[in-house]
C-alpha atoms as a PDB file:
ATOM      1  CA  UNK A   1      -0.025  -0.015  -0.024  1.00  0.00           C
ATOM      2  CA  UNK A   2       1.308   3.386  -1.001  1.00  0.00           C
ATOM      3  CA  UNK A   3      -0.140   6.572   0.592  1.00  0.00           C
ATOM      4  CA  UNK A   4       0.723   9.900  -1.195  1.00  0.00           C
ATOM      5  CA  UNK A   5      -0.603  13.329  -2.012  1.00  0.00           C
ATOM      6  CA  UNK A   6      -2.977  13.648  -4.831  1.00  0.00           C
ATOM      7  CA  UNK A   7      -1.674  14.380  -8.389  1.00  0.00           C
ATOM      8  CA  UNK A   8      -3.741  16.138 -10.980  1.00  0.00           C
ATOM      9  CA  UNK A   9      -3.821  13.069 -13.065  1.00  0.00           C
ATOM     10  CA  UNK A  10      -5.649  11.189 -10.259  1.00  0.00           C
ATOM     11  CA  UNK A  11      -8.838  13.245 -10.338  1.00  0.00           C
ATOM     12  CA  UNK A  12     -10.711  11.033 -12.823  1.00  0.00           C
ATOM     13  CA  UNK A  13      -9.927   7.923 -10.837  1.00  0.00           C
ATOM     14  CA  UNK A  14     -10.904   9.577  -7.592  1.00  0.00           C
ATOM     15  CA  UNK A  15     -14.172  10.730  -9.094  1.00  0.00           C
ATOM     16  CA  UNK A  16     -14.857   7.120 -10.176  1.00  0.00           C
ATOM     17  CA  UNK A  17     -14.134   5.902  -6.668  1.00  0.00           C
ATOM     18  CA  UNK A  18     -16.467   8.396  -5.252  1.00  0.00           C
ATOM     19  CA  UNK A  19     -19.222   7.248  -7.671  1.00  0.00           C
ATOM     20  CA  UNK A  20     -18.499   3.620  -6.681  1.00  0.00           C
ATOM     21  CA  UNK A  21     -18.786   4.055  -2.866  1.00  0.00           C
ATOM     22  CA  UNK A  22     -20.827   7.252  -2.166  1.00  0.00           C
ATOM     23  CA  UNK A  23     -24.541   7.709  -2.383  1.00  0.00           C
ATOM     24  CA  UNK A  24     -25.684  10.120  -5.151  1.00  0.00           C
ATOM     25  CA  UNK A  25     -26.457  12.825  -2.569  1.00  0.00           C
ATOM     26  CA  UNK A  26     -23.050  12.376  -0.723  1.00  0.00           C
ATOM     27  CA  UNK A  27     -21.322  12.328  -4.151  1.00  0.00           C
ATOM     28  CA  UNK A  28     -22.732  15.692  -5.086  1.00  0.00           C
ATOM     29  CA  UNK A  29     -21.690  17.332  -1.798  1.00  0.00           C
ATOM     30  CA  UNK A  30     -18.253  15.724  -1.802  1.00  0.00           C
ATOM     31  CA  UNK A  31     -17.350  16.533  -5.368  1.00  0.00           C
ATOM     32  CA  UNK A  32     -17.924  20.307  -4.796  1.00  0.00           C
ATOM     33  CA  UNK A  33     -15.912  20.228  -1.577  1.00  0.00           C
ATOM     34  CA  UNK A  34     -13.216  18.178  -3.360  1.00  0.00           C
ATOM     35  CA  UNK A  35     -12.764  20.682  -6.058  1.00  0.00           C
ATOM     36  CA  UNK A  36     -12.612  23.596  -3.497  1.00  0.00           C
ATOM     37  CA  UNK A  37     -10.028  21.751  -1.385  1.00  0.00           C
ATOM     38  CA  UNK A  38      -7.811  21.024  -4.435  1.00  0.00           C
ATOM     39  CA  UNK A  39      -7.721  24.682  -5.257  1.00  0.00           C
ATOM     40  CA  UNK A  40      -6.881  25.672  -1.698  1.00  0.00           C
ATOM     41  CA  UNK A  41      -4.467  23.068  -0.408  1.00  0.00           C
ATOM     42  CA  UNK A  42      -4.053  19.823  -2.316  1.00  0.00           C
ATOM     43  CA  UNK A  43      -1.684  18.525   0.462  1.00  0.00           C
ATOM     44  CA  UNK A  44      -4.796  17.691   2.458  1.00  0.00           C
ATOM     45  CA  UNK A  45      -6.036  15.279  -0.128  1.00  0.00           C
ATOM     46  CA  UNK A  46      -4.407  11.884   0.171  1.00  0.00           C
ATOM     47  CA  UNK A  47      -4.732   8.710  -1.928  1.00  0.00           C
ATOM     48  CA  UNK A  48      -3.983   5.083  -1.205  1.00  0.00           C
ATOM     49  CA  UNK A  49      -2.670   3.032  -4.075  1.00  0.00           C
ATOM     50  CA  UNK A  50      -2.624  -0.779  -4.331  1.00  0.00           C
ATOM     51  CA  UNK A  51      -2.044  -2.858  -7.372  1.00  0.00           C
ATOM     52  CA  UNK A  52      -1.391   0.268  -9.398  1.00  0.00           C
ATOM     53  CA  UNK A  53      -4.813   1.707  -8.750  1.00  0.00           C
ATOM     54  CA  UNK A  54      -6.334   4.267  -6.377  1.00  0.00           C
ATOM     55  CA  UNK A  55      -8.243   2.329  -3.725  1.00  0.00           C
ATOM     56  CA  UNK A  56      -8.838   5.027  -1.186  1.00  0.00           C
ATOM     57  CA  UNK A  57      -8.951   8.834  -0.730  1.00  0.00           C
ATOM     58  CA  UNK A  58      -9.279  11.224   2.142  1.00  0.00           C
ATOM     59  CA  UNK A  59     -10.183  14.835   2.061  1.00  0.00           C
ATOM     60  CA  UNK A  60      -9.206  17.194   4.869  1.00  0.00           C
ATOM     61  CA  UNK A  61      -9.379  20.938   5.214  1.00  0.00           C
ATOM     62  CA  UNK A  62      -8.210  23.660   7.521  1.00  0.00           C
ATOM     63  CA  UNK A  63     -10.651  26.335   8.648  1.00  0.00           C
ATOM     64  CA  UNK A  64      -9.772  28.975  11.356  1.00  0.00           C
ATOM     65  CA  UNK A  65      -6.622  27.104  12.185  1.00  0.00           C
ATOM     66  CA  UNK A  66      -8.542  23.858  12.962  1.00  0.00           C
ATOM     67  CA  UNK A  67      -8.077  20.652  10.954  1.00  0.00           C
ATOM     68  CA  UNK A  68     -11.226  18.795   9.695  1.00  0.00           C
ATOM     69  CA  UNK A  69     -11.445  15.275   8.296  1.00  0.00           C
ATOM     70  CA  UNK A  70     -14.190  15.914   5.677  1.00  0.00           C
ATOM     71  CA  UNK A  71     -14.615  12.717   3.633  1.00  0.00           C
ATOM     72  CA  UNK A  72     -13.085   9.313   3.269  1.00  0.00           C
ATOM     73  CA  UNK A  73     -13.835   6.720   0.635  1.00  0.00           C
ATOM     74  CA  UNK A  74     -12.350   3.326   0.182  1.00  0.00           C
ATOM     75  CA  UNK A  75     -13.000   0.892  -2.690  1.00  0.00           C
ATOM     76  CA  UNK A  76     -15.401  -1.828  -1.530  1.00  0.00           C
ATOM     77  CA  UNK A  77     -12.854  -4.620  -2.256  1.00  0.00           C
ATOM     78  CA  UNK A  78     -10.326  -2.944   0.061  1.00  0.00           C
ATOM     79  CA  UNK A  79     -12.598  -2.011   3.028  1.00  0.00           C
ATOM     80  CA  UNK A  80     -11.909  -3.469   6.384  1.00  0.00           C
ATOM     81  CA  UNK A  81      -8.280  -3.894   5.457  1.00  0.00           C
ATOM     82  CA  UNK A  82      -6.809  -0.843   7.326  1.00  0.00           C
ATOM     83  CA  UNK A  83      -6.803   1.378   4.310  1.00  0.00           C
ATOM     84  CA  UNK A  84      -9.056   4.100   5.975  1.00  0.00           C
ATOM     85  CA  UNK A  85      -7.031   3.993   9.160  1.00  0.00           C
ATOM     86  CA  UNK A  86      -3.829   4.506   7.263  1.00  0.00           C
ATOM     87  CA  UNK A  87      -5.300   7.349   5.381  1.00  0.00           C
ATOM     88  CA  UNK A  88      -6.625   8.968   8.567  1.00  0.00           C
ATOM     89  CA  UNK A  89      -3.384   8.667  10.324  1.00  0.00           C
ATOM     90  CA  UNK A  90      -1.447  10.124   7.387  1.00  0.00           C
ATOM     91  CA  UNK A  91      -3.825  13.112   7.291  1.00  0.00           C
ATOM     92  CA  UNK A  92      -3.486  13.578  10.989  1.00  0.00           C
ATOM     93  CA  UNK A  93       0.259  13.889  10.471  1.00  0.00           C
ATOM     94  CA  UNK A  94      -0.281  16.496   7.826  1.00  0.00           C
ATOM     95  CA  UNK A  95      -2.545  18.537  10.138  1.00  0.00           C
ATOM     96  CA  UNK A  96       0.093  18.344  12.799  1.00  0.00           C
ATOM     97  CA  UNK A  97       2.827  19.508  10.353  1.00  0.00           C
ATOM     98  CA  UNK A  98       0.649  22.526   9.632  1.00  0.00           C
ATOM     99  CA  UNK A  99       0.360  23.260  13.317  1.00  0.00           C
ATOM    100  CA  UNK A 100      -3.499  23.271  13.593  1.00  0.00           C
ATOM    101  CA  UNK A 101      -4.843  24.101  17.059  1.00  0.00           C
ATOM    102  CA  UNK A 102      -7.363  21.128  17.116  1.00  0.00           C
ATOM    103  CA  UNK A 103      -8.429  18.279  14.782  1.00  0.00           C
ATOM    104  CA  UNK A 104     -12.154  17.484  14.283  1.00  0.00           C
ATOM    105  CA  UNK A 105     -14.102  14.809  12.324  1.00  0.00           C
ATOM    106  CA  UNK A 106     -17.085  16.092  10.333  1.00  0.00           C
ATOM    107  CA  UNK A 107     -19.989  13.866  11.391  1.00  0.00           C
ATOM    108  CA  UNK A 108     -22.752  14.110   8.937  1.00  0.00           C
ATOM    109  CA  UNK A 109     -25.168  11.342   8.007  1.00  0.00           C
ATOM    110  CA  UNK A 110     -22.727  10.138   5.349  1.00  0.00           C
ATOM    111  CA  UNK A 111     -19.801   9.853   7.818  1.00  0.00           C
ATOM    112  CA  UNK A 112     -21.714   8.190  10.670  1.00  0.00           C
ATOM    113  CA  UNK A 113     -20.699   4.604   9.647  1.00  0.00           C
ATOM    114  CA  UNK A 114     -17.069   5.354   9.729  1.00  0.00           C
ATOM    115  CA  UNK A 115     -16.999   7.217  13.190  1.00  0.00           C
ATOM    116  CA  UNK A 116     -15.838   3.977  14.874  1.00  0.00           C
ATOM    117  CA  UNK A 117     -12.732   4.133  12.694  1.00  0.00           C
ATOM    118  CA  UNK A 118     -11.786   7.549  14.021  1.00  0.00           C
ATOM    119  CA  UNK A 119     -12.508   6.359  17.573  1.00  0.00           C
ATOM    120  CA  UNK A 120     -10.111   3.488  16.946  1.00  0.00           C
ATOM    121  CA  UNK A 121      -7.248   6.032  16.375  1.00  0.00           C
ATOM    122  CA  UNK A 122      -8.079   8.134  19.445  1.00  0.00           C
ATOM    123  CA  UNK A 123     -10.902  10.506  18.599  1.00  0.00           C
ATOM    124  CA  UNK A 124     -13.682  10.946  21.155  1.00  0.00           C
ATOM    125  CA  UNK A 125     -17.369  12.103  20.788  1.00  0.00           C
ATOM    126  CA  UNK A 126     -16.369  15.781  21.489  1.00  0.00           C
ATOM    127  CA  UNK A 127     -14.070  15.604  18.361  1.00  0.00           C
ATOM    128  CA  UNK A 128     -17.044  14.894  16.051  1.00  0.00           C
ATOM    129  CA  UNK A 129     -18.534  18.110  14.668  1.00  0.00           C
ATOM    130  CA  UNK A 130     -22.071  17.813  13.402  1.00  0.00           C
ATOM    131  CA  UNK A 131     -22.676  21.448  12.618  1.00  0.00           C
ATOM    132  CA  UNK A 132     -19.947  22.001   9.955  1.00  0.00           C
ATOM    133  CA  UNK A 133     -22.018  23.477   7.259  1.00  0.00           C
ATOM    134  CA  UNK A 134     -20.210  26.832   7.678  1.00  0.00           C
ATOM    135  CA  UNK A 135     -16.881  25.269   6.827  1.00  0.00           C
ATOM    136  CA  UNK A 136     -15.365  27.046   3.865  1.00  0.00           C
ATOM    137  CA  UNK A 137     -14.881  23.758   1.982  1.00  0.00           C
ATOM    138  CA  UNK A 138     -18.716  23.201   2.213  1.00  0.00           C
ATOM    139  CA  UNK A 139     -20.107  26.645   2.049  1.00  0.00           C
ATOM    140  CA  UNK A 140     -17.810  27.894  -0.702  1.00  0.00           C
END
């Protein structure tokens, strides 16, 4: 497994991954935020590669000097194999390198199923932000 920053040439494959694993509503919200984050700070979009293909992606953002995990997507055939945890830990390291004051997990209805993943790496209920609609990545 190789974790790395996104490259411009990855966008089509990432879009396909989003289409594969996200609901239509979640896809629509995510693709807009994805585009905004790429234009602001692509260092906070990481991909996981295996067998020469992108099998996972995580989108983070910084807003008011706080880091936010926004969305994570892992190909169905690679779920429950630690890909999401590796991506989350790698993004946490990026946040720390950027000296954010606090790291949160956005907890909308689409992220609810993966909150246990974040708990497994040390996040607690107070780290889950449910009212994140004012984040720049979401609001534009």
